[in-house]
C-alpha atoms as a PDB file:
ATOM      1  CA  MET A   1     -17.818   3.526  -3.533  1.00  0.00           C
ATOM      2  CA  ASN A   2     -15.583   5.158  -0.925  1.00  0.00           C
ATOM      3  CA  TRP A   3     -14.221   1.768   0.179  1.00  0.00           C
ATOM      4  CA  PHE A   4     -13.351   1.122  -3.465  1.00  0.00           C
ATOM      5  CA  TYR A   5     -11.455   4.431  -3.491  1.00  0.00           C
ATOM      6  CA  LEU A   6      -9.679   3.425  -0.306  1.00  0.00           C
ATOM      7  CA  ILE A   7      -8.579   0.095  -1.789  1.00  0.00           C
ATOM      8  CA  LEU A   8      -7.302   1.914  -4.889  1.00  0.00           C
ATOM      9  CA  ALA A   9      -5.453   4.354  -2.637  1.00  0.00           C
ATOM     10  CA  GLY A  10      -3.832   1.395  -0.861  1.00  0.00           C
ATOM     11  CA  ILE A  11      -2.807  -0.205  -4.145  1.00  0.00           C
ATOM     12  CA  PHE A  12      -1.196   3.034  -5.311  1.00  0.00           C
ATOM     13  CA  GLU A  13       0.453   3.281  -1.886  1.00  0.00           C
ATOM     14  CA  ILE A  14       2.325   0.109  -2.895  1.00  0.00           C
ATOM     15  CA  GLY A  15       3.482   1.823  -6.086  1.00  0.00           C
ATOM     16  CA  TRP A  16       5.702   4.480  -4.599  1.00  0.00           C
ATOM     17  CA  PRO A  17       8.135   2.265  -2.641  1.00  0.00           C
ATOM     18  CA  LEU A  18       8.113  -0.093  -5.618  1.00  0.00           C
ATOM     19  CA  GLY A  19       9.007   2.808  -7.913  1.00  0.00           C
ATOM     20  CA  LEU A  20      11.834   3.860  -5.600  1.00  0.00           C
ATOM     21  CA  LYS A  21      13.163   0.280  -5.516  1.00  0.00           C
ATOM     22  CA  LEU A  22      12.925   0.038  -9.304  1.00  0.00           C
ATOM     23  CA  SER A  23      14.858   3.285  -9.635  1.00  0.00           C
ATOM     24  CA  GLN A  24      17.745   1.518  -7.893  1.00  0.00           C
ATOM     25  CA  THR A  25      17.646  -1.537 -10.143  1.00  0.00           C
ATOM     26  CA  MET A  26      16.660  -0.177 -13.571  1.00  0.00           C
ATOM     27  CA  PRO A  27      19.029   1.375 -16.079  1.00  0.00           C
ATOM     28  CA  SER A  28      16.802   4.478 -16.152  1.00  0.00           C
ATOM     29  CA  LYS A  29      16.368   5.854 -12.640  1.00  0.00           C
ATOM     30  CA  ILE A  30      13.932   8.462 -13.945  1.00  0.00           C
ATOM     31  CA  LEU A  31      11.271   5.869 -14.848  1.00  0.00           C
ATOM     32  CA  GLY A  32      11.265   4.401 -11.333  1.00  0.00           C
ATOM     33  CA  ILE A  33      11.071   7.843  -9.739  1.00  0.00           C
ATOM     34  CA  LEU A  34       8.259   8.788 -12.125  1.00  0.00           C
ATOM     35  CA  ILE A  35       6.328   5.657 -11.098  1.00  0.00           C
ATOM     36  CA  ALA A  36       6.841   6.622  -7.450  1.00  0.00           C
ATOM     37  CA  VAL A  37       5.659  10.213  -7.900  1.00  0.00           C
ATOM     38  CA  ILE A  38       2.589   9.247  -9.935  1.00  0.00           C
ATOM     39  CA  SER A  39       1.708   6.529  -7.425  1.00  0.00           C
ATOM     40  CA  MET A  40       2.067   8.959  -4.501  1.00  0.00           C
ATOM     41  CA  SER A  41      -0.198  11.456  -6.218  1.00  0.00           C
ATOM     42  CA  LEU A  42      -2.905   8.935  -7.121  1.00  0.00           C
ATOM     43  CA  SER A  43      -2.723   7.361  -3.688  1.00  0.00           C
ATOM     44  CA  GLY A  44      -3.323  10.740  -2.076  1.00  0.00           C
ATOM     45  CA  VAL A  45      -6.220  11.621  -4.381  1.00  0.00           C
ATOM     46  CA  PHE A  46      -7.996   8.318  -3.759  1.00  0.00           C
ATOM     47  CA  LEU A  47      -7.419   8.590  -0.005  1.00  0.00           C
ATOM     48  CA  TRP A  48      -8.910  12.081  -0.107  1.00  0.00           C
ATOM     49  CA  LEU A  49     -11.973  10.766  -1.939  1.00  0.00           C
ATOM     50  CA  ALA A  50     -12.374   7.857   0.486  1.00  0.00           C
ATOM     51  CA  GLN A  51     -12.261  10.112   3.525  1.00  0.00           C
ATOM     52  CA  LYS A  52     -15.453  11.868   2.494  1.00  0.00           C
ATOM     53  CA  THR A  53     -17.430   9.179   4.358  1.00  0.00           C
ATOM     54  CA  ILE A  54     -14.868   6.883   5.971  1.00  0.00           C
ATOM     55  CA  PRO A  55     -13.487   8.101   9.327  1.00  0.00           C
ATOM     56  CA  ILE A  56      -9.943   9.445   9.023  1.00  0.00           C
ATOM     57  CA  GLY A  57      -8.435   6.967  11.497  1.00  0.00           C
ATOM     58  CA  THR A  58     -10.001   3.991   9.746  1.00  0.00           C
ATOM     59  CA  ALA A  59      -9.053   5.265   6.297  1.00  0.00           C
ATOM     60  CA  TYR A  60      -5.462   5.935   7.296  1.00  0.00           C
ATOM     61  CA  ALA A  61      -4.989   2.575   9.021  1.00  0.00           C
ATOM     62  CA  VAL A  62      -6.464   0.641   6.090  1.00  0.00           C
ATOM     63  CA  TRP A  63      -4.501   2.696   3.548  1.00  0.00           C
ATOM     64  CA  THR A  64      -1.166   2.147   5.261  1.00  0.00           C
ATOM     65  CA  GLY A  65      -2.005  -1.500   6.006  1.00  0.00           C
ATOM     66  CA  ILE A  66      -2.681  -2.279   2.352  1.00  0.00           C
ATOM     67  CA  GLY A  67       0.497  -0.450   1.400  1.00  0.00           C
ATOM     68  CA  ALA A  68       2.610  -2.231   4.010  1.00  0.00           C
ATOM     69  CA  VAL A  69       1.367  -5.757   3.326  1.00  0.00           C
ATOM     70  CA  GLY A  70       1.347  -5.248  -0.434  1.00  0.00           C
ATOM     71  CA  THR A  71       4.893  -3.914  -0.411  1.00  0.00           C
ATOM     72  CA  LEU A  72       5.996  -6.792   1.826  1.00  0.00           C
ATOM     73  CA  LEU A  73       4.547  -9.322  -0.637  1.00  0.00           C
ATOM     74  CA  ILE A  74       6.146  -7.628  -3.648  1.00  0.00           C
ATOM     75  CA  GLY A  75       9.465  -7.700  -1.817  1.00  0.00           C
ATOM     76  CA  ILE A  76       9.076 -11.421  -1.180  1.00  0.00           C
ATOM     77  CA  PHE A  77       7.863 -12.423  -4.648  1.00  0.00           C
ATOM     78  CA  TYR A  78       9.960 -10.124  -6.833  1.00  0.00           C
ATOM     79  CA  PHE A  79      13.006  -9.050  -4.836  1.00  0.00           C
ATOM     80  CA  GLY A  80      13.822 -12.179  -2.841  1.00  0.00           C
ATOM     81  CA  ASP A  81      13.034 -10.740   0.604  1.00  0.00           C
ATOM     82  CA  SER A  82      12.674 -13.167   3.474  1.00  0.00           C
ATOM     83  CA  ALA A  83       9.311 -14.914   3.929  1.00  0.00           C
ATOM     84  CA  SER A  84       9.984 -16.056   7.461  1.00  0.00           C
ATOM     85  CA  PHE A  85       7.198 -17.236   9.703  1.00  0.00           C
ATOM     86  CA  TRP A  86       7.290 -14.108  11.863  1.00  0.00           C
ATOM     87  CA  ARG A  87       7.156 -11.740   8.907  1.00  0.00           C
ATOM     88  CA  MET A  88       4.178 -13.573   7.439  1.00  0.00           C
ATOM     89  CA  PHE A  89       2.463 -13.862  10.825  1.00  0.00           C
ATOM     90  CA  SER A  90       2.904 -10.147  11.420  1.00  0.00           C
ATOM     91  CA  ALA A  91       1.482  -9.365   7.970  1.00  0.00           C
ATOM     92  CA  LEU A  92      -1.496 -11.588   8.784  1.00  0.00           C
ATOM     93  CA  LEU A  93      -2.120  -9.548  11.923  1.00  0.00           C
ATOM     94  CA  ILE A  94      -2.186  -6.384   9.809  1.00  0.00           C
ATOM     95  CA  VAL A  95      -4.705  -7.973   7.435  1.00  0.00           C
ATOM     96  CA  ILE A  96      -6.853  -9.060  10.391  1.00  0.00           C
ATOM     97  CA  GLY A  97      -6.747  -5.478  11.649  1.00  0.00           C
ATOM     98  CA  ILE A  98      -7.813  -4.117   8.248  1.00  0.00           C
ATOM     99  CA  VAL A  99     -10.750  -6.541   8.090  1.00  0.00           C
ATOM    100  CA  GLY A 100     -11.676  -5.661  11.670  1.00  0.00           C
ATOM    101  CA  LEU A 101     -11.720  -1.954  10.878  1.00  0.00           C
ATOM    102  CA  LYS A 102     -13.940  -2.573   7.874  1.00  0.00           C
ATOM    103  CA  LEU A 103     -16.365  -4.669   9.907  1.00  0.00           C
ATOM    104  CA  ALA A 104     -16.431  -2.107  12.728  1.00  0.00           C
ATOM    105  CA  ASN A 105     -17.187   0.789  10.386  1.00  0.00           C
END
């Protein structure tokens, strides 16, 4: 169950930079900032729950990895960010690291 919490924490970790980006592009800046604040809070709560049995270093690396790769993909698919080979290759290395940490735990 704690790995489920960690994945949820990572998904909500994607929500706060997305909310900040939306606050720059939406007519109502408040809605984007509200999304960011709620996402930050939920991300922290789920990370806290996950760390009850998952080592802190593993939990933090997986949490930030999911957030980084997820945010990168949202930037590519929804905001027209570059999907160059090196960006995608680097994201793949992060995913490989996340899987490795899960397998090593």
